[in-house]
């Protein structure tokens, strides 16, 4: 996909070397941006094989609002490194999507906390006030972010309706170009399809701002060499992208969707490229 390959080139050519929390250096670029037209196909990378089934599993887990990975773990291990031994996750994106805590004082000065289902709020607003500029969801809760092992990377997103099309803009504080960004792109594009179907709209564009867009560079000849992502990304730049696949979702309410209700047809890709996760 050209937009992704252009992002890779941008970070490689204009990024600067920085230390990182993981102990592995990165090539980092400040405030990268791209957008894709979802009507032209579902944006799964074709320059490497992607585990698209895990994208569906993860997104359905987000929408469930769970704050543990016990059910997700049956299908994919992508969150195991950040959960405790019981499967609890300090920062579970979907938990904040569906159960964000809102606190205010009552007339006696006592704090009251209620939960906000941000996803349902957005759906209701789109149905009733489609041109609202308040169609926003956040996963960033400051108290949690100060203590969490991994605060949300993709921390807020907003929808926008243009004529009969639903657009989505994701803001991400930190983005691993080789591993995380392809997953984020696919997941939020899929979410846009789901919300569009739920609100009787067509899909429009997915836009993505990445505040710290980075590529991990494990130095050759050191124990960090296995974390080097440069060679795998350079290999993708040599590959010619295939035509994008098509996403089909069963015509059912969002709350009833299961894994079996998603179909990705026509997906053709180059071979898989393995990238190590820097935890």
Protein backbone atom coordinates (compact mmCIF):
# COMPACT_ATOMS: atom_id res chain seq x y z
CA UNK A 1 0.00 0.00 0.00
CA UNK A 2 1.58 3.20 -1.22
CA UNK A 3 0.55 5.36 1.77
CA UNK A 4 2.28 2.98 4.19
CA UNK A 5 5.41 2.65 2.07
CA UNK A 6 5.62 6.45 1.84
CA UNK A 7 5.40 6.60 5.65
CA UNK A 8 8.28 4.11 5.94
CA UNK A 9 10.39 6.20 3.54
CA UNK A 10 9.61 9.40 5.47
CA UNK A 11 10.72 8.02 8.84
CA UNK A 12 13.83 6.42 7.34
CA UNK A 13 14.93 9.54 5.51
CA UNK A 14 13.99 12.31 7.94
CA UNK A 15 13.91 10.64 11.35
CA UNK A 16 16.56 11.10 14.05
CA UNK A 17 18.14 8.49 16.30
CA UNK A 18 16.73 8.43 19.82
CA UNK A 19 16.89 6.33 22.96
CA UNK A 20 13.68 4.57 23.94
CA UNK A 21 12.00 3.18 27.05
CA UNK A 22 12.65 -0.36 25.83
CA UNK A 23 16.44 0.07 25.75
CA UNK A 24 16.43 -0.30 21.96
CA UNK A 25 17.24 2.83 19.95
CA UNK A 26 14.85 4.09 17.30
CA UNK A 27 14.80 6.27 14.23
CA UNK A 28 12.08 8.72 15.27
CA UNK A 29 10.04 11.20 13.24
CA UNK A 30 7.80 13.83 14.86
CA UNK A 31 4.16 14.09 13.76
CA UNK A 32 3.77 11.82 10.77
CA UNK A 33 0.46 11.86 8.93
CA UNK A 34 -1.22 9.88 6.17
CA UNK A 35 -4.75 9.02 5.08
CA UNK A 36 -6.34 6.33 2.94
CA UNK A 37 -9.60 6.11 1.00
CA UNK A 38 -11.47 3.13 2.42
CA UNK A 39 -13.76 2.94 -0.59
CA UNK A 40 -10.78 1.72 -2.64
CA UNK A 41 -10.32 -1.45 -0.61
CA UNK A 42 -9.53 -2.65 2.89
CA UNK A 43 -6.03 -1.45 3.88
CA UNK A 44 -4.26 -4.65 4.85
CA UNK A 45 -0.59 -4.50 3.92
CA UNK A 46 0.24 -6.63 0.92
CA UNK A 47 4.02 -6.14 1.01
CA UNK A 48 4.08 -8.64 3.87
CA UNK A 49 1.54 -11.17 5.03
CA UNK A 50 -0.60 -9.89 7.90
CA UNK A 51 -2.39 -11.94 10.55
CA UNK A 52 -5.75 -10.35 9.79
CA UNK A 53 -7.67 -12.79 11.97
CA UNK A 54 -5.91 -11.33 15.00
CA UNK A 55 -7.03 -7.84 13.91
CA UNK A 56 -10.66 -8.98 14.08
CA UNK A 57 -10.18 -10.75 17.42
CA UNK A 58 -8.50 -7.72 18.97
CA UNK A 59 -11.11 -5.27 17.72
CA UNK A 60 -14.01 -7.40 18.99
CA UNK A 61 -12.20 -7.58 22.32
CA UNK A 62 -11.97 -3.78 22.40
CA UNK A 63 -15.68 -3.48 21.66
CA UNK A 64 -16.49 -5.95 24.44
CA UNK A 65 -15.18 -3.44 26.98
CA UNK A 66 -13.27 -6.11 28.91
CA UNK A 67 -10.30 -5.07 31.07
CA UNK A 68 -8.65 -8.50 30.99
CA UNK A 69 -7.31 -10.73 28.22
CA UNK A 70 -8.62 -14.08 29.44
CA UNK A 71 -10.97 -14.46 26.47
CA UNK A 72 -8.67 -12.82 23.93
CA UNK A 73 -5.81 -15.10 25.00
CA UNK A 74 -7.71 -18.12 23.63
CA UNK A 75 -7.15 -16.80 20.13
CA UNK A 76 -4.08 -14.54 20.13
CA UNK A 77 -1.19 -13.75 22.49
CA UNK A 78 -0.62 -10.16 21.29
CA UNK A 79 -1.37 -8.62 24.70
CA UNK A 80 0.23 -11.26 26.93
CA UNK A 81 3.44 -9.27 27.50
CA UNK A 82 1.57 -6.43 29.21
CA UNK A 83 -1.00 -8.32 31.29
CA UNK A 84 -0.51 -9.71 34.79
CA UNK A 85 -0.50 -13.44 35.58
CA UNK A 86 -4.30 -13.42 35.93
CA UNK A 87 -4.78 -11.77 32.55
CA UNK A 88 -5.73 -8.35 33.91
CA UNK A 89 -4.62 -5.36 31.87
CA UNK A 90 -4.11 -1.95 33.47
CA UNK A 91 -4.78 -0.12 30.24
CA UNK A 92 -7.42 -1.96 28.24
CA UNK A 93 -8.47 0.29 25.39
CA UNK A 94 -11.96 -1.12 25.07
CA UNK A 95 -12.65 -0.77 28.78
CA UNK A 96 -12.24 2.99 28.43
CA UNK A 97 -14.15 3.03 25.15
CA UNK A 98 -17.17 1.46 26.83
CA UNK A 99 -16.72 2.32 30.54
CA UNK A 100 -14.88 5.63 30.80
CA UNK A 101 -15.13 7.01 34.38
CA UNK A 102 -16.69 10.46 34.67
CA UNK A 103 -16.44 12.09 38.11
CA UNK A 104 -18.22 15.14 39.51
CA UNK A 105 -19.18 16.44 42.94
CA UNK A 106 -22.75 16.34 44.19
CA UNK A 107 -24.35 19.24 46.06
CA UNK A 108 -22.76 18.01 49.31
CA UNK A 109 -19.27 18.05 47.83
CA UNK A 110 -19.01 14.27 47.54
CA UNK A 111 -17.57 12.76 44.40
CA UNK A 112 -19.86 10.70 42.20
CA UNK A 113 -18.49 8.54 39.41
CA UNK A 114 -20.48 7.22 36.49
CA UNK A 115 -19.36 5.28 33.42
CA UNK A 116 -19.67 6.65 29.90
CA UNK A 117 -20.10 4.31 26.93
CA UNK A 118 -18.26 6.46 24.40
CA UNK A 119 -18.88 4.12 21.47
CA UNK A 120 -22.63 4.14 22.00
CA UNK A 121 -22.56 7.92 22.46
CA UNK A 122 -20.82 8.34 19.09
CA UNK A 123 -23.30 6.02 17.36
CA UNK A 124 -26.28 7.86 18.82
CA UNK A 125 -24.82 11.24 17.88
CA UNK A 126 -24.15 10.16 14.30
CA UNK A 127 -27.73 8.95 13.97
CA UNK A 128 -29.22 12.13 15.45
CA UNK A 129 -26.64 14.82 14.68
CA UNK A 130 -24.48 13.42 11.88
CA UNK A 131 -22.54 16.65 11.29
CA UNK A 132 -21.55 17.04 14.94
CA UNK A 133 -17.89 17.87 15.55
CA UNK A 134 -17.98 16.08 18.91
CA UNK A 135 -17.80 12.48 17.70
CA UNK A 136 -14.74 11.66 19.78
CA UNK A 137 -13.57 8.66 21.81
CA UNK A 138 -10.61 8.66 24.20
CA UNK A 139 -8.70 5.89 25.95
CA UNK A 140 -6.42 8.25 27.86
CA UNK A 141 -7.32 8.45 31.55
CA UNK A 142 -4.60 10.54 33.27
CA UNK A 143 -4.61 8.68 36.57
CA UNK A 144 -4.23 5.35 34.83
CA UNK A 145 -1.61 6.70 32.43
CA UNK A 146 0.73 7.71 35.27
CA UNK A 147 0.91 4.15 36.63
CA UNK A 148 0.23 1.80 33.71
CA UNK A 149 2.94 -0.47 32.33
CA UNK A 150 1.88 0.63 28.86
CA UNK A 151 -0.48 3.64 28.64
CA UNK A 152 -2.55 3.83 25.43
CA UNK A 153 -0.52 4.44 22.29
CA UNK A 154 -3.50 5.07 20.00
CA UNK A 155 -5.25 7.18 22.59
CA UNK A 156 -8.02 9.10 20.86
CA UNK A 157 -10.03 8.99 17.65
CA UNK A 158 -12.77 11.09 16.09
CA UNK A 159 -15.41 10.48 13.44
CA UNK A 160 -16.61 12.95 10.86
CA UNK A 161 -19.55 12.64 8.48
CA UNK A 162 -19.24 14.11 5.00
CA UNK A 163 -22.42 13.74 2.93
CA UNK A 164 -23.15 10.00 3.26
CA UNK A 165 -19.62 8.94 4.17
CA UNK A 166 -18.08 8.26 7.58
CA UNK A 167 -14.46 9.32 8.09
CA UNK A 168 -12.21 8.50 11.04
CA UNK A 169 -9.11 10.25 12.38
CA UNK A 170 -6.82 8.46 14.84
CA UNK A 171 -4.22 10.24 16.97
CA UNK A 172 -1.39 8.09 18.30
CA UNK A 173 1.30 9.23 20.74
CA UNK A 174 3.73 6.45 19.81
CA UNK A 175 3.81 4.24 16.74
CA UNK A 176 6.04 1.28 15.90
CA UNK A 177 6.18 1.55 12.09
CA UNK A 178 7.06 -2.09 11.39
CA UNK A 179 4.74 -3.86 13.85
CA UNK A 180 2.10 -1.62 15.38
CA UNK A 181 1.08 0.79 12.63
CA UNK A 182 -0.08 -1.87 10.11
CA UNK A 183 -2.28 -3.35 12.86
CA UNK A 184 -3.62 0.04 13.94
CA UNK A 185 -4.41 1.00 10.36
CA UNK A 186 -6.35 -2.22 9.78
CA UNK A 187 -8.16 -2.19 13.14
CA UNK A 188 -9.43 1.39 12.99
CA UNK A 189 -10.38 1.03 9.34
CA UNK A 190 -12.41 -2.03 10.33
CA UNK A 191 -13.98 -0.08 13.20
CA UNK A 192 -14.96 2.63 10.72
CA UNK A 193 -16.68 -0.01 8.60
CA UNK A 194 -18.56 -1.30 11.66
CA UNK A 195 -19.73 2.13 12.79
CA UNK A 196 -20.66 3.10 9.22
CA UNK A 197 -22.80 0.01 8.88
CA UNK A 198 -24.40 0.65 12.28
CA UNK A 199 -25.35 4.20 11.22
CA UNK A 200 -26.34 3.46 7.60
CA UNK A 201 -23.39 5.33 6.08
CA UNK A 202 -20.70 4.49 3.55
CA UNK A 203 -17.03 4.41 4.51
CA UNK A 204 -14.97 7.46 3.60
CA UNK A 205 -11.37 8.08 4.65
CA UNK A 206 -9.17 6.92 7.48
CA UNK A 207 -6.62 9.53 8.61
CA UNK A 208 -3.79 8.90 11.07
CA UNK A 209 -1.48 11.22 12.99
CA UNK A 210 1.48 9.59 14.77
CA UNK A 211 3.24 11.91 17.19
CA UNK A 212 6.37 9.76 17.61
CA UNK A 213 6.62 7.54 14.54
CA UNK A 214 9.60 5.26 14.97
CA UNK A 215 11.56 2.33 13.61
CA UNK A 216 13.53 0.13 16.00
CA UNK A 217 17.24 -0.26 15.20
CA UNK A 218 19.07 -3.00 17.06
CA UNK A 219 22.79 -2.54 16.39
CA UNK A 220 24.48 -5.31 14.42
CA UNK A 221 26.77 -7.59 16.41
CA UNK A 222 25.00 -6.85 19.72
CA UNK A 223 22.33 -8.69 21.71
CA UNK A 224 19.85 -6.10 20.42
CA UNK A 225 20.40 -7.06 16.80
CA UNK A 226 17.26 -9.22 16.74
CA UNK A 227 15.14 -6.09 17.33
CA UNK A 228 16.40 -4.35 14.20
CA UNK A 229 13.43 -3.58 11.92
CA UNK A 230 15.27 -1.73 9.17
CA UNK A 231 16.09 -4.70 6.93
CA UNK A 232 12.54 -6.01 6.97
CA UNK A 233 11.15 -2.60 6.08
CA UNK A 234 13.71 -2.15 3.31
CA UNK A 235 12.58 -5.50 1.92
CA UNK A 236 8.99 -4.29 1.85
CA UNK A 237 10.05 -1.19 -0.08
CA UNK A 238 11.40 -3.47 -2.81
CA UNK A 239 8.09 -5.32 -3.15
CA UNK A 240 5.32 -4.24 -5.49
CA UNK A 241 1.99 -3.91 -3.62
CA UNK A 242 -0.93 -6.09 -4.69
CA UNK A 243 -4.51 -4.91 -5.06
CA UNK A 244 -6.24 -4.35 -1.72
CA UNK A 245 -8.73 -6.95 -0.47
CA UNK A 246 -12.40 -6.37 0.31
CA UNK A 247 -13.93 -6.45 3.80
CA UNK A 248 -17.46 -7.82 4.20
CA UNK A 249 -19.35 -7.67 7.49
CA UNK A 250 -22.63 -9.48 8.17
CA UNK A 251 -25.61 -7.14 8.26
CA UNK A 252 -26.17 -7.39 12.00
CA UNK A 253 -26.23 -4.94 14.94
CA UNK A 254 -22.76 -4.18 16.26
CA UNK A 255 -23.56 -5.81 19.60
CA UNK A 256 -24.28 -9.13 17.86
CA UNK A 257 -21.19 -9.32 15.67
CA UNK A 258 -18.89 -12.31 16.13
CA UNK A 259 -15.64 -13.37 14.49
CA UNK A 260 -17.53 -15.47 11.96
CA UNK A 261 -19.39 -12.37 10.71
CA UNK A 262 -16.24 -10.93 9.10
CA UNK A 263 -14.86 -11.93 5.73
CA UNK A 264 -11.80 -10.60 3.93
CA UNK A 265 -11.78 -11.65 0.31
CA UNK A 266 -9.14 -11.28 -2.36
CA UNK A 267 -6.22 -10.89 0.03
CA UNK A 268 -2.94 -11.52 -1.79
CA UNK A 269 0.36 -10.69 -0.17
CA UNK A 270 4.10 -11.17 -0.29
CA UNK A 271 5.62 -13.55 2.29
CA UNK A 272 5.58 -12.81 6.01
CA UNK A 273 8.42 -10.80 7.55
CA UNK A 274 9.14 -11.45 11.21
CA UNK A 275 9.77 -8.48 13.50
CA UNK A 276 10.65 -8.89 17.19
CA UNK A 277 8.59 -6.88 19.70
CA UNK A 278 10.60 -4.57 21.96
CA UNK A 279 8.78 -4.76 25.30
